[in-house]
Amino acid sequence: MPGNEKLEYLLELSQTLAPLPEWLDERRGEMHEVNECMTPVFVFAERNEDGRFTFHIDIPPESPTVQGFGAILQQGLKGATADEIAAVPDQFYLATGLQTVLSGQRLFGMSAILSDVKRLAAETQ
């Protein structure tokens, strides 16, 4: 897929990032901020009785590429166990070719989001 099409698809994915559930509005202070990302990104790890995770991710609409990456993580890791999340390669997005259309700074932020999601899953066991 050529670079522009990859970027357009990432922007389309940004529209699929699930909004925060109402119950999390009251617990907003419990969300983890991804400090290494230039965009304000907040993540909440919800673990069900079976040990499977759902991640609630809040990213402002002014950052659609980051929202797109958030949507990839949110959808791709939904229902995953902590071990499955830990097994995701740290730079899996390189296989998508996103490095050809995104800046190194943006890619660093994506790595930071994934790293924090992995840490949250490990801590929420």
PDB file of N, CA and C in Angstrom:
ATOM      1  N   MET A   1       0.852  -1.166   0.000  1.00  0.00           N
ATOM      2  CA  MET A   1       0.000   0.000   0.000  1.00  0.00           C
ATOM      3  C   MET A   1       0.903   1.236   0.000  1.00  0.00           C
ATOM      4  N   PRO A   2       0.775   2.112  -0.977  1.00  0.00           N
ATOM      5  CA  PRO A   2       1.601   3.327  -1.021  1.00  0.00           C
ATOM      6  C   PRO A   2       1.401   4.178   0.233  1.00  0.00           C
ATOM      7  N   GLY A   3       2.412   5.047   0.511  1.00  0.00           N
ATOM      8  CA  GLY A   3       2.424   5.850   1.724  1.00  0.00           C
ATOM      9  C   GLY A   3       1.168   6.653   1.976  1.00  0.00           C
ATOM     10  N   ASN A   4       0.682   7.366   0.956  1.00  0.00           N
ATOM     11  CA  ASN A   4      -0.505   8.195   1.161  1.00  0.00           C
ATOM     12  C   ASN A   4      -1.725   7.363   1.531  1.00  0.00           C
ATOM     13  N   GLU A   5      -1.841   6.184   0.934  1.00  0.00           N
ATOM     14  CA  GLU A   5      -2.973   5.315   1.261  1.00  0.00           C
ATOM     15  C   GLU A   5      -2.880   4.812   2.694  1.00  0.00           C
ATOM     16  N   LYS A   6      -1.655   4.546   3.164  1.00  0.00           N
ATOM     17  CA  LYS A   6      -1.465   4.114   4.549  1.00  0.00           C
ATOM     18  C   LYS A   6      -1.894   5.217   5.505  1.00  0.00           C
ATOM     19  N   LEU A   7      -1.489   6.421   5.193  1.00  0.00           N
ATOM     20  CA  LEU A   7      -1.849   7.557   6.035  1.00  0.00           C
ATOM     21  C   LEU A   7      -3.357   7.790   6.019  1.00  0.00           C
ATOM     22  N   GLU A   8      -3.976   7.693   4.861  1.00  0.00           N
ATOM     23  CA  GLU A   8      -5.433   7.848   4.761  1.00  0.00           C
ATOM     24  C   GLU A   8      -6.154   6.769   5.565  1.00  0.00           C
ATOM     25  N   TYR A   9      -5.640   5.551   5.523  1.00  0.00           N
ATOM     26  CA  TYR A   9      -6.260   4.464   6.281  1.00  0.00           C
ATOM     27  C   TYR A   9      -6.113   4.712   7.780  1.00  0.00           C
ATOM     28  N   LEU A  10      -4.946   5.196   8.196  1.00  0.00           N
ATOM     29  CA  LEU A  10      -4.739   5.519   9.603  1.00  0.00           C
ATOM     30  C   LEU A  10      -5.714   6.611  10.044  1.00  0.00           C
ATOM     31  N   LEU A  11      -5.928   7.581   9.187  1.00  0.00           N
ATOM     32  CA  LEU A  11      -6.886   8.648   9.493  1.00  0.00           C
ATOM     33  C   LEU A  11      -8.316   8.106   9.562  1.00  0.00           C
ATOM     34  N   GLU A  12      -8.636   7.160   8.699  1.00  0.00           N
ATOM     35  CA  GLU A  12      -9.960   6.512   8.766  1.00  0.00           C
ATOM     36  C   GLU A  12     -10.112   5.752  10.079  1.00  0.00           C
ATOM     37  N   LEU A  13      -9.055   5.068  10.487  1.00  0.00           N
ATOM     38  CA  LEU A  13      -9.097   4.316  11.742  1.00  0.00           C
ATOM     39  C   LEU A  13      -9.315   5.236  12.936  1.00  0.00           C
ATOM     40  N   SER A  14      -8.855   6.479  12.823  1.00  0.00           N
ATOM     41  CA  SER A  14      -9.020   7.416  13.937  1.00  0.00           C
ATOM     42  C   SER A  14     -10.494   7.595  14.283  1.00  0.00           C
ATOM     43  N   GLN A  15     -11.356   7.441  13.295  1.00  0.00           N
ATOM     44  CA  GLN A  15     -12.794   7.590  13.514  1.00  0.00           C
ATOM     45  C   GLN A  15     -13.389   6.407  14.273  1.00  0.00           C
ATOM     46  N   THR A  16     -12.638   5.316  14.404  1.00  0.00           N
ATOM     47  CA  THR A  16     -13.157   4.122  15.064  1.00  0.00           C
ATOM     48  C   THR A  16     -12.695   4.004  16.518  1.00  0.00           C
ATOM     49  N   LEU A  17     -11.881   4.962  16.997  1.00  0.00           N
ATOM     50  CA  LEU A  17     -11.465   4.928  18.394  1.00  0.00           C
ATOM     51  C   LEU A  17     -12.706   5.103  19.258  1.00  0.00           C
ATOM     52  N   ALA A  18     -12.979   4.115  20.084  1.00  0.00           N
ATOM     53  CA  ALA A  18     -14.196   4.141  20.905  1.00  0.00           C
ATOM     54  C   ALA A  18     -14.142   5.284  21.910  1.00  0.00           C
ATOM     55  N   PRO A  19     -15.248   5.983  22.081  1.00  0.00           N
ATOM     56  CA  PRO A  19     -15.281   7.037  23.098  1.00  0.00           C
ATOM     57  C   PRO A  19     -15.195   6.424  24.494  1.00  0.00           C
ATOM     58  N   LEU A  20     -14.787   7.236  25.448  1.00  0.00           N
ATOM     59  CA  LEU A  20     -14.720   6.746  26.823  1.00  0.00           C
ATOM     60  C   LEU A  20     -16.118   6.430  27.322  1.00  0.00           C
ATOM     61  N   PRO A  21     -16.269   5.349  28.071  1.00  0.00           N
ATOM     62  CA  PRO A  21     -17.581   5.045  28.654  1.00  0.00           C
ATOM     63  C   PRO A  21     -17.911   6.082  29.732  1.00  0.00           C
ATOM     64  N   GLU A  22     -19.192   6.294  29.960  1.00  0.00           N
ATOM     65  CA  GLU A  22     -19.627   7.295  30.931  1.00  0.00           C
ATOM     66  C   GLU A  22     -19.045   7.047  32.315  1.00  0.00           C
ATOM     67  N   TRP A  23     -18.985   5.775  32.730  1.00  0.00           N
ATOM     68  CA  TRP A  23     -18.484   5.481  34.074  1.00  0.00           C
ATOM     69  C   TRP A  23     -17.052   5.932  34.280  1.00  0.00           C
ATOM     70  N   LEU A  24     -16.296   6.076  33.182  1.00  0.00           N
ATOM     71  CA  LEU A  24     -14.900   6.488  33.298  1.00  0.00           C
ATOM     72  C   LEU A  24     -14.771   8.004  33.455  1.00  0.00           C
ATOM     73  N   ASP A  25     -15.806   8.749  33.090  1.00  0.00           N
ATOM     74  CA  ASP A  25     -15.781  10.199  33.285  1.00  0.00           C
ATOM     75  C   ASP A  25     -15.517  10.541  34.747  1.00  0.00           C
ATOM     76  N   GLU A  26     -16.142   9.794  35.644  1.00  0.00           N
ATOM     77  CA  GLU A  26     -15.984  10.034  37.078  1.00  0.00           C
ATOM     78  C   GLU A  26     -14.641   9.552  37.607  1.00  0.00           C
ATOM     79  N   ARG A  27     -13.978   8.697  36.856  1.00  0.00           N
ATOM     80  CA  ARG A  27     -12.700   8.112  37.295  1.00  0.00           C
ATOM     81  C   ARG A  27     -11.542   8.597  36.425  1.00  0.00           C
ATOM     82  N   ARG A  28     -11.736   9.708  35.777  1.00  0.00           N
ATOM     83  CA  ARG A  28     -10.738  10.242  34.833  1.00  0.00           C
ATOM     84  C   ARG A  28      -9.350  10.375  35.470  1.00  0.00           C
ATOM     85  N   GLY A  29      -9.325  10.725  36.747  1.00  0.00           N
ATOM     86  CA  GLY A  29      -8.052  10.873  37.445  1.00  0.00           C
ATOM     87  C   GLY A  29      -7.282   9.571  37.581  1.00  0.00           C
ATOM     88  N   GLU A  30      -7.958   8.448  37.373  1.00  0.00           N
ATOM     89  CA  GLU A  30      -7.312   7.137  37.457  1.00  0.00           C
ATOM     90  C   GLU A  30      -6.680   6.715  36.129  1.00  0.00           C
ATOM     91  N   MET A  31      -6.937   7.478  35.086  1.00  0.00           N
ATOM     92  CA  MET A  31      -6.361   7.119  33.785  1.00  0.00           C
ATOM     93  C   MET A  31      -4.864   7.430  33.789  1.00  0.00           C
ATOM     94  N   HIS A  32      -4.114   6.592  33.116  1.00  0.00           N
ATOM     95  CA  HIS A  32      -2.661   6.762  33.022  1.00  0.00           C
ATOM     96  C   HIS A  32      -2.334   7.679  31.849  1.00  0.00           C
ATOM     97  N   GLU A  33      -1.498   8.682  32.101  1.00  0.00           N
ATOM     98  CA  GLU A  33      -1.056   9.565  31.017  1.00  0.00           C
ATOM     99  C   GLU A  33       0.242   9.028  30.432  1.00  0.00           C
ATOM    100  N   VAL A  34       0.300   8.961  29.112  1.00  0.00           N
ATOM    101  CA  VAL A  34       1.513   8.520  28.412  1.00  0.00           C
ATOM    102  C   VAL A  34       2.403   9.759  28.277  1.00  0.00           C
ATOM    103  N   ASN A  35       3.324   9.929  29.204  1.00  0.00           N
ATOM    104  CA  ASN A  35       4.139  11.141  29.280  1.00  0.00           C
ATOM    105  C   ASN A  35       5.104  11.311  28.116  1.00  0.00           C
ATOM    106  N   GLU A  36       5.552  10.226  27.523  1.00  0.00           N
ATOM    107  CA  GLU A  36       6.548  10.310  26.448  1.00  0.00           C
ATOM    108  C   GLU A  36       5.946  10.757  25.117  1.00  0.00           C
ATOM    109  N   CYS A  37       4.652  10.795  25.034  1.00  0.00           N
ATOM    110  CA  CYS A  37       3.975  11.175  23.792  1.00  0.00           C
ATOM    111  C   CYS A  37       3.688  12.672  23.825  1.00  0.00           C
ATOM    112  N   MET A  38       3.978  13.372  22.728  1.00  0.00           N
ATOM    113  CA  MET A  38       3.722  14.815  22.670  1.00  0.00           C
ATOM    114  C   MET A  38       2.225  15.127  22.730  1.00  0.00           C
ATOM    115  N   THR A  39       1.421  14.240  22.192  1.00  0.00           N
ATOM    116  CA  THR A  39      -0.032  14.390  22.227  1.00  0.00           C
ATOM    117  C   THR A  39      -0.514  13.913  23.594  1.00  0.00           C
ATOM    118  N   PRO A  40      -1.466  14.601  24.215  1.00  0.00           N
ATOM    119  CA  PRO A  40      -1.997  14.095  25.480  1.00  0.00           C
ATOM    120  C   PRO A  40      -2.770  12.793  25.255  1.00  0.00           C
ATOM    121  N   VAL A  41      -2.227  11.701  25.751  1.00  0.00           N
ATOM    122  CA  VAL A  41      -2.838  10.374  25.612  1.00  0.00           C
ATOM    123  C   VAL A  41      -3.054   9.811  27.012  1.00  0.00           C
ATOM    124  N   PHE A  42      -4.280   9.370  27.271  1.00  0.00           N
ATOM    125  CA  PHE A  42      -4.636   8.781  28.556  1.00  0.00           C
ATOM    126  C   PHE A  42      -5.203   7.390  28.317  1.00  0.00           C
ATOM    127  N   VAL A  43      -4.780   6.435  29.147  1.00  0.00           N
ATOM    128  CA  VAL A  43      -5.177   5.034  28.968  1.00  0.00           C
ATOM    129  C   VAL A  43      -5.694   4.474  30.298  1.00  0.00           C
ATOM    130  N   PHE A  44      -6.756   3.693  30.205  1.00  0.00           N
ATOM    131  CA  PHE A  44      -7.278   2.974  31.361  1.00  0.00           C
ATOM    132  C   PHE A  44      -7.392   1.512  30.964  1.00  0.00           C
ATOM    133  N   ALA A  45      -6.771   0.642  31.762  1.00  0.00           N
ATOM    134  CA  ALA A  45      -6.815  -0.805  31.508  1.00  0.00           C
ATOM    135  C   ALA A  45      -7.925  -1.417  32.346  1.00  0.00           C
ATOM    136  N   GLU A  46      -8.851  -2.083  31.676  1.00  0.00           N
ATOM    137  CA  GLU A  46      -9.943  -2.769  32.360  1.00  0.00           C
ATOM    138  C   GLU A  46      -9.754  -4.268  32.152  1.00  0.00           C
ATOM    139  N   ARG A  47      -9.621  -4.997  33.255  1.00  0.00           N
ATOM    140  CA  ARG A  47      -9.413  -6.447  33.193  1.00  0.00           C
ATOM    141  C   ARG A  47     -10.695  -7.133  33.669  1.00  0.00           C
ATOM    142  N   ASN A  48     -11.183  -8.075  32.853  1.00  0.00           N
ATOM    143  CA  ASN A  48     -12.403  -8.790  33.252  1.00  0.00           C
ATOM    144  C   ASN A  48     -12.054 -10.017  34.100  1.00  0.00           C
ATOM    145  N   GLU A  49     -13.073 -10.751  34.512  1.00  0.00           N
ATOM    146  CA  GLU A  49     -12.883 -11.915  35.378  1.00  0.00           C
ATOM    147  C   GLU A  49     -12.010 -12.995  34.754  1.00  0.00           C
ATOM    148  N   ASP A  50     -12.011 -13.070  33.433  1.00  0.00           N
ATOM    149  CA  ASP A  50     -11.225 -14.084  32.724  1.00  0.00           C
ATOM    150  C   ASP A  50      -9.781 -13.653  32.509  1.00  0.00           C
ATOM    151  N   GLY A  51      -9.418 -12.468  32.997  1.00  0.00           N
ATOM    152  CA  GLY A  51      -8.049 -11.980  32.820  1.00  0.00           C
ATOM    153  C   GLY A  51      -7.809 -11.352  31.464  1.00  0.00           C
ATOM    154  N   ARG A  52      -8.878 -11.031  30.765  1.00  0.00           N
ATOM    155  CA  ARG A  52      -8.751 -10.409  29.434  1.00  0.00           C
ATOM    156  C   ARG A  52      -8.998  -8.910  29.551  1.00  0.00           C
ATOM    157  N   PHE A  53      -8.343  -8.157  28.685  1.00  0.00           N
ATOM    158  CA  PHE A  53      -8.326  -6.706  28.807  1.00  0.00           C
ATOM    159  C   PHE A  53      -9.141  -5.971  27.756  1.00  0.00           C
ATOM    160  N   THR A  54      -9.621  -4.821  28.173  1.00  0.00           N
ATOM    161  CA  THR A  54     -10.156  -3.793  27.287  1.00  0.00           C
ATOM    162  C   THR A  54      -9.423  -2.515  27.672  1.00  0.00           C
ATOM    163  N   PHE A  55      -8.947  -1.793  26.680  1.00  0.00           N
ATOM    164  CA  PHE A  55      -8.244  -0.538  26.944  1.00  0.00           C
ATOM    165  C   PHE A  55      -9.113   0.625  26.493  1.00  0.00           C
ATOM    166  N   HIS A  56      -9.299   1.560  27.392  1.00  0.00           N
ATOM    167  CA  HIS A  56     -10.021   2.785  27.086  1.00  0.00           C
ATOM    168  C   HIS A  56      -8.947   3.846  26.871  1.00  0.00           C
ATOM    169  N   ILE A  57      -8.977   4.459  25.697  1.00  0.00           N
ATOM    170  CA  ILE A  57      -7.913   5.382  25.313  1.00  0.00           C
ATOM    171  C   ILE A  57      -8.533   6.716  24.927  1.00  0.00           C
ATOM    172  N   ASP A  58      -8.006   7.778  25.526  1.00  0.00           N
ATOM    173  CA  ASP A  58      -8.494   9.123  25.253  1.00  0.00           C
ATOM    174  C   ASP A  58      -7.391   9.919  24.561  1.00  0.00           C
ATOM    175  N   ILE A  59      -7.667  10.325  23.331  1.00  0.00           N
ATOM    176  CA  ILE A  59      -6.723  11.100  22.522  1.00  0.00           C
ATOM    177  C   ILE A  59      -7.522  12.218  21.864  1.00  0.00           C
ATOM    178  N   PRO A  60      -7.037  13.456  21.921  1.00  0.00           N
ATOM    179  CA  PRO A  60      -7.813  14.559  21.348  1.00  0.00           C
ATOM    180  C   PRO A  60      -7.992  14.432  19.830  1.00  0.00           C
ATOM    181  N   PRO A  61      -9.125  14.909  19.318  1.00  0.00           N
ATOM    182  CA  PRO A  61      -9.408  14.808  17.881  1.00  0.00           C
ATOM    183  C   PRO A  61      -8.422  15.596  17.011  1.00  0.00           C
ATOM    184  N   GLU A  62      -7.668  16.507  17.611  1.00  0.00           N
ATOM    185  CA  GLU A  62      -6.670  17.272  16.827  1.00  0.00           C
ATOM    186  C   GLU A  62      -5.472  16.419  16.452  1.00  0.00           C
ATOM    187  N   SER A  63      -5.432  15.191  16.921  1.00  0.00           N
ATOM    188  CA  SER A  63      -4.310  14.285  16.648  1.00  0.00           C
ATOM    189  C   SER A  63      -4.819  12.995  16.004  1.00  0.00           C
ATOM    190  N   PRO A  64      -5.328  13.094  14.772  1.00  0.00           N
ATOM    191  CA  PRO A  64      -5.949  11.913  14.164  1.00  0.00           C
ATOM    192  C   PRO A  64      -4.994  10.754  13.891  1.00  0.00           C
ATOM    193  N   THR A  65      -3.721  11.023  13.615  1.00  0.00           N
ATOM    194  CA  THR A  65      -2.822   9.886  13.386  1.00  0.00           C
ATOM    195  C   THR A  65      -2.600   9.116  14.680  1.00  0.00           C
ATOM    196  N   VAL A  66      -2.490   9.835  15.783  1.00  0.00           N
ATOM    197  CA  VAL A  66      -2.328   9.170  17.077  1.00  0.00           C
ATOM    198  C   VAL A  66      -3.628   8.456  17.449  1.00  0.00           C
ATOM    199  N   GLN A  67      -4.757   9.067  17.153  1.00  0.00           N
ATOM    200  CA  GLN A  67      -6.044   8.404  17.379  1.00  0.00           C
ATOM    201  C   GLN A  67      -6.123   7.111  16.569  1.00  0.00           C
ATOM    202  N   GLY A  68      -5.650   7.138  15.340  1.00  0.00           N
ATOM    203  CA  GLY A  68      -5.656   5.940  14.502  1.00  0.00           C
ATOM    204  C   GLY A  68      -4.823   4.835  15.113  1.00  0.00           C
ATOM    205  N   PHE A  69      -3.652   5.191  15.623  1.00  0.00           N
ATOM    206  CA  PHE A  69      -2.815   4.191  16.276  1.00  0.00           C
ATOM    207  C   PHE A  69      -3.481   3.689  17.549  1.00  0.00           C
ATOM    208  N   GLY A  70      -4.108   4.602  18.291  1.00  0.00           N
ATOM    209  CA  GLY A  70      -4.849   4.199  19.487  1.00  0.00           C
ATOM    210  C   GLY A  70      -5.946   3.217  19.148  1.00  0.00           C
ATOM    211  N   ALA A  71      -6.629   3.457  18.030  1.00  0.00           N
ATOM    212  CA  ALA A  71      -7.695   2.548  17.589  1.00  0.00           C
ATOM    213  C   ALA A  71      -7.131   1.177  17.240  1.00  0.00           C
ATOM    214  N   ILE A  72      -5.962   1.140  16.611  1.00  0.00           N
ATOM    215  CA  ILE A  72      -5.322  -0.138  16.282  1.00  0.00           C
ATOM    216  C   ILE A  72      -5.056  -0.926  17.564  1.00  0.00           C
ATOM    217  N   LEU A  73      -4.491  -0.254  18.556  1.00  0.00           N
ATOM    218  CA  LEU A  73      -4.196  -0.934  19.823  1.00  0.00           C
ATOM    219  C   LEU A  73      -5.475  -1.347  20.540  1.00  0.00           C
ATOM    220  N   GLN A  74      -6.434  -0.438  20.598  1.00  0.00           N
ATOM    221  CA  GLN A  74      -7.681  -0.714  21.306  1.00  0.00           C
ATOM    222  C   GLN A  74      -8.391  -1.925  20.696  1.00  0.00           C
ATOM    223  N   GLN A  75      -8.496  -1.950  19.391  1.00  0.00           N
ATOM    224  CA  GLN A  75      -9.198  -3.034  18.717  1.00  0.00           C
ATOM    225  C   GLN A  75      -8.364  -4.312  18.675  1.00  0.00           C
ATOM    226  N   GLY A  76      -7.078  -4.156  18.423  1.00  0.00           N
ATOM    227  CA  GLY A  76      -6.215  -5.335  18.307  1.00  0.00           C
ATOM    228  C   GLY A  76      -5.974  -6.055  19.613  1.00  0.00           C
ATOM    229  N   LEU A  77      -6.025  -5.333  20.728  1.00  0.00           N
ATOM    230  CA  LEU A  77      -5.751  -5.945  22.022  1.00  0.00           C
ATOM    231  C   LEU A  77      -7.006  -6.254  22.823  1.00  0.00           C
ATOM    232  N   LYS A  78      -8.164  -5.925  22.280  1.00  0.00           N
ATOM    233  CA  LYS A  78      -9.416  -6.182  23.002  1.00  0.00           C
ATOM    234  C   LYS A  78      -9.556  -7.686  23.229  1.00  0.00           C
ATOM    235  N   GLY A  79      -9.717  -8.048  24.475  1.00  0.00           N
ATOM    236  CA  GLY A  79      -9.877  -9.459  24.816  1.00  0.00           C
ATOM    237  C   GLY A  79      -8.577 -10.220  24.965  1.00  0.00           C
ATOM    238  N   ALA A  80      -7.448  -9.534  24.876  1.00  0.00           N
ATOM    239  CA  ALA A  80      -6.152 -10.202  25.009  1.00  0.00           C
ATOM    240  C   ALA A  80      -5.786 -10.372  26.487  1.00  0.00           C
ATOM    241  N   THR A  81      -4.976 -11.365  26.764  1.00  0.00           N
ATOM    242  CA  THR A  81      -4.456 -11.572  28.116  1.00  0.00           C
ATOM    243  C   THR A  81      -3.181 -10.738  28.286  1.00  0.00           C
ATOM    244  N   ALA A  82      -2.718 -10.610  29.513  1.00  0.00           N
ATOM    245  CA  ALA A  82      -1.484  -9.871  29.768  1.00  0.00           C
ATOM    246  C   ALA A  82      -0.309 -10.508  29.022  1.00  0.00           C
ATOM    247  N   ASP A  83      -0.265 -11.838  28.969  1.00  0.00           N
ATOM    248  CA  ASP A  83       0.824 -12.520  28.248  1.00  0.00           C
ATOM    249  C   ASP A  83       0.766 -12.229  26.750  1.00  0.00           C
ATOM    250  N   GLU A  84      -0.436 -12.222  26.190  1.00  0.00           N
ATOM    251  CA  GLU A  84      -0.580 -11.915  24.755  1.00  0.00           C
ATOM    252  C   GLU A  84      -0.175 -10.472  24.467  1.00  0.00           C
ATOM    253  N   ILE A  85      -0.531  -9.571  25.365  1.00  0.00           N
ATOM    254  CA  ILE A  85      -0.164  -8.166  25.188  1.00  0.00           C
ATOM    255  C   ILE A  85       1.347  -8.001  25.282  1.00  0.00           C
ATOM    256  N   ALA A  86       1.964  -8.669  26.251  1.00  0.00           N
ATOM    257  CA  ALA A  86       3.420  -8.600  26.416  1.00  0.00           C
ATOM    258  C   ALA A  86       4.150  -9.139  25.195  1.00  0.00           C
ATOM    259  N   ALA A  87       3.531 -10.064  24.473  1.00  0.00           N
ATOM    260  CA  ALA A  87       4.172 -10.693  23.309  1.00  0.00           C
ATOM    261  C   ALA A  87       4.126  -9.836  22.045  1.00  0.00           C
ATOM    262  N   VAL A  88       3.392  -8.735  22.054  1.00  0.00           N
ATOM    263  CA  VAL A  88       3.324  -7.868  20.870  1.00  0.00           C
ATOM    264  C   VAL A  88       4.705  -7.240  20.668  1.00  0.00           C
ATOM    265  N   PRO A  89       5.274  -7.374  19.482  1.00  0.00           N
ATOM    266  CA  PRO A  89       6.585  -6.769  19.236  1.00  0.00           C
ATOM    267  C   PRO A  89       6.540  -5.252  19.471  1.00  0.00           C
ATOM    268  N   ASP A  90       7.570  -4.728  20.125  1.00  0.00           N
ATOM    269  CA  ASP A  90       7.583  -3.312  20.491  1.00  0.00           C
ATOM    270  C   ASP A  90       7.425  -2.368  19.306  1.00  0.00           C
ATOM    271  N   GLN A  91       7.897  -2.765  18.172  1.00  0.00           N
ATOM    272  CA  GLN A  91       7.778  -1.910  16.987  1.00  0.00           C
ATOM    273  C   GLN A  91       7.010  -2.614  15.875  1.00  0.00           C
ATOM    274  N   PHE A  92       5.898  -3.243  16.252  1.00  0.00           N
ATOM    275  CA  PHE A  92       5.097  -3.980  15.275  1.00  0.00           C
ATOM    276  C   PHE A  92       4.632  -3.094  14.128  1.00  0.00           C
ATOM    277  N   TYR A  93       4.470  -1.813  14.398  1.00  0.00           N
ATOM    278  CA  TYR A  93       3.969  -0.887  13.385  1.00  0.00           C
ATOM    279  C   TYR A  93       4.944  -0.724  12.217  1.00  0.00           C
ATOM    280  N   LEU A  94       6.206  -1.099  12.392  1.00  0.00           N
ATOM    281  CA  LEU A  94       7.161  -1.011  11.286  1.00  0.00           C
ATOM    282  C   LEU A  94       6.765  -1.958  10.156  1.00  0.00           C
ATOM    283  N   ALA A  95       6.113  -3.062  10.498  1.00  0.00           N
ATOM    284  CA  ALA A  95       5.655  -3.998   9.474  1.00  0.00           C
ATOM    285  C   ALA A  95       4.566  -3.375   8.603  1.00  0.00           C
ATOM    286  N   THR A  96       3.913  -2.339   9.104  1.00  0.00           N
ATOM    287  CA  THR A  96       2.866  -1.666   8.327  1.00  0.00           C
ATOM    288  C   THR A  96       3.437  -0.634   7.365  1.00  0.00           C
ATOM    289  N   GLY A  97       4.711  -0.275   7.562  1.00  0.00           N
ATOM    290  CA  GLY A  97       5.326   0.738   6.710  1.00  0.00           C
ATOM    291  C   GLY A  97       5.002   2.163   7.130  1.00  0.00           C
ATOM    292  N   LEU A  98       4.452   2.344   8.317  1.00  0.00           N
ATOM    293  CA  LEU A  98       4.077   3.693   8.756  1.00  0.00           C
ATOM    294  C   LEU A  98       5.287   4.626   8.882  1.00  0.00           C
ATOM    295  N   GLN A  99       6.474   4.061   9.044  1.00  0.00           N
ATOM    296  CA  GLN A  99       7.668   4.891   9.162  1.00  0.00           C
ATOM    297  C   GLN A  99       7.943   5.676   7.877  1.00  0.00           C
ATOM    298  N   THR A 100       7.311   5.281   6.786  1.00  0.00           N
ATOM    299  CA  THR A 100       7.512   6.008   5.525  1.00  0.00           C
ATOM    300  C   THR A 100       6.629   7.253   5.432  1.00  0.00           C
ATOM    301  N   VAL A 101       5.620   7.346   6.308  1.00  0.00           N
ATOM    302  CA  VAL A 101       4.699   8.488   6.236  1.00  0.00           C
ATOM    303  C   VAL A 101       4.594   9.277   7.534  1.00  0.00           C
ATOM    304  N   LEU A 102       5.181   8.769   8.601  1.00  0.00           N
ATOM    305  CA  LEU A 102       5.114   9.465   9.885  1.00  0.00           C
ATOM    306  C   LEU A 102       6.513   9.853  10.351  1.00  0.00           C
ATOM    307  N   SER A 103       6.599  10.939  11.105  1.00  0.00           N
ATOM    308  CA  SER A 103       7.883  11.401  11.610  1.00  0.00           C
ATOM    309  C   SER A 103       8.401  10.459  12.701  1.00  0.00           C
ATOM    310  N   GLY A 104       9.683  10.523  12.933  1.00  0.00           N
ATOM    311  CA  GLY A 104      10.288   9.730  13.989  1.00  0.00           C
ATOM    312  C   GLY A 104       9.694  10.058  15.347  1.00  0.00           C
ATOM    313  N   GLN A 105       9.360  11.322  15.546  1.00  0.00           N
ATOM    314  CA  GLN A 105       8.751  11.753  16.799  1.00  0.00           C
ATOM    315  C   GLN A 105       7.386  11.095  16.997  1.00  0.00           C
ATOM    316  N   ARG A 106       6.603  11.004  15.937  1.00  0.00           N
ATOM    317  CA  ARG A 106       5.288  10.365  16.000  1.00  0.00           C
ATOM    318  C   ARG A 106       5.449   8.871  16.278  1.00  0.00           C
ATOM    319  N   LEU A 107       6.441   8.250  15.628  1.00  0.00           N
ATOM    320  CA  LEU A 107       6.691   6.820  15.848  1.00  0.00           C
ATOM    321  C   LEU A 107       7.145   6.560  17.286  1.00  0.00           C
ATOM    322  N   PHE A 108       7.948   7.466  17.836  1.00  0.00           N
ATOM    323  CA  PHE A 108       8.382   7.347  19.229  1.00  0.00           C
ATOM    324  C   PHE A 108       7.163   7.389  20.154  1.00  0.00           C
ATOM    325  N   GLY A 109       6.230   8.283  19.858  1.00  0.00           N
ATOM    326  CA  GLY A 109       5.003   8.367  20.653  1.00  0.00           C
ATOM    327  C   GLY A 109       4.194   7.086  20.583  1.00  0.00           C
ATOM    328  N   MET A 110       4.142   6.485  19.398  1.00  0.00           N
ATOM    329  CA  MET A 110       3.414   5.227  19.248  1.00  0.00           C
ATOM    330  C   MET A 110       4.065   4.127  20.077  1.00  0.00           C
ATOM    331  N   SER A 111       5.386   4.091  20.060  1.00  0.00           N
ATOM    332  CA  SER A 111       6.103   3.110  20.883  1.00  0.00           C
ATOM    333  C   SER A 111       5.800   3.319  22.360  1.00  0.00           C
ATOM    334  N   ALA A 112       5.734   4.588  22.771  1.00  0.00           N
ATOM    335  CA  ALA A 112       5.458   4.911  24.169  1.00  0.00           C
ATOM    336  C   ALA A 112       4.063   4.441  24.573  1.00  0.00           C
ATOM    337  N   ILE A 113       3.090   4.617  23.691  1.00  0.00           N
ATOM    338  CA  ILE A 113       1.723   4.176  23.998  1.00  0.00           C
ATOM    339  C   ILE A 113       1.704   2.660  24.183  1.00  0.00           C
ATOM    340  N   LEU A 114       2.304   1.932  23.260  1.00  0.00           N
ATOM    341  CA  LEU A 114       2.343   0.473  23.363  1.00  0.00           C
ATOM    342  C   LEU A 114       3.073   0.036  24.628  1.00  0.00           C
ATOM    343  N   SER A 115       4.183   0.667  24.932  1.00  0.00           N
ATOM    344  CA  SER A 115       4.953   0.328  26.125  1.00  0.00           C
ATOM    345  C   SER A 115       4.115   0.528  27.386  1.00  0.00           C
ATOM    346  N   ASP A 116       3.386   1.630  27.441  1.00  0.00           N
ATOM    347  CA  ASP A 116       2.546   1.893  28.613  1.00  0.00           C
ATOM    348  C   ASP A 116       1.379   0.918  28.695  1.00  0.00           C
ATOM    349  N   VAL A 117       0.794   0.558  27.561  1.00  0.00           N
ATOM    350  CA  VAL A 117      -0.288  -0.428  27.556  1.00  0.00           C
ATOM    351  C   VAL A 117       0.234  -1.771  28.095  1.00  0.00           C
ATOM    352  N   LYS A 118       1.418  -2.161  27.675  1.00  0.00           N
ATOM    353  CA  LYS A 118       2.008  -3.411  28.166  1.00  0.00           C
ATOM    354  C   LYS A 118       2.239  -3.344  29.672  1.00  0.00           C
ATOM    355  N   ARG A 119       2.755  -2.225  30.142  1.00  0.00           N
ATOM    356  CA  ARG A 119       3.026  -2.071  31.569  1.00  0.00           C
ATOM    357  C   ARG A 119       1.730  -2.092  32.375  1.00  0.00           C
ATOM    358  N   LEU A 120       0.701  -1.397  31.878  1.00  0.00           N
ATOM    359  CA  LEU A 120      -0.584  -1.388  32.572  1.00  0.00           C
ATOM    360  C   LEU A 120      -1.189  -2.784  32.657  1.00  0.00           C
ATOM    361  N   ALA A 121      -1.072  -3.546  31.583  1.00  0.00           N
ATOM    362  CA  ALA A 121      -1.598  -4.917  31.591  1.00  0.00           C
ATOM    363  C   ALA A 121      -0.852  -5.772  32.616  1.00  0.00           C
ATOM    364  N   ALA A 122       0.453  -5.612  32.688  1.00  0.00           N
ATOM    365  CA  ALA A 122       1.243  -6.375  33.639  1.00  0.00           C
ATOM    366  C   ALA A 122       0.907  -5.995  35.086  1.00  0.00           C
ATOM    367  N   GLU A 123       0.670  -4.713  35.326  1.00  0.00           N
ATOM    368  CA  GLU A 123       0.372  -4.230  36.673  1.00  0.00           C
ATOM    369  C   GLU A 123      -1.055  -4.515  37.110  1.00  0.00           C
ATOM    370  N   THR A 124      -1.966  -4.735  36.152  1.00  0.00           N
ATOM    371  CA  THR A 124      -3.391  -4.902  36.460  1.00  0.00           C
ATOM    372  C   THR A 124      -3.778  -6.361  36.600  1.00  0.00           C
ATOM    373  N   GLN A 125      -2.832  -7.241  36.702  1.00  0.00           N
ATOM    374  CA  GLN A 125      -3.136  -8.672  36.829  1.00  0.00           C
ATOM    375  C   GLN A 125      -3.652  -9.014  38.193  1.00  0.00           C
TER     376      GLN A 125
END
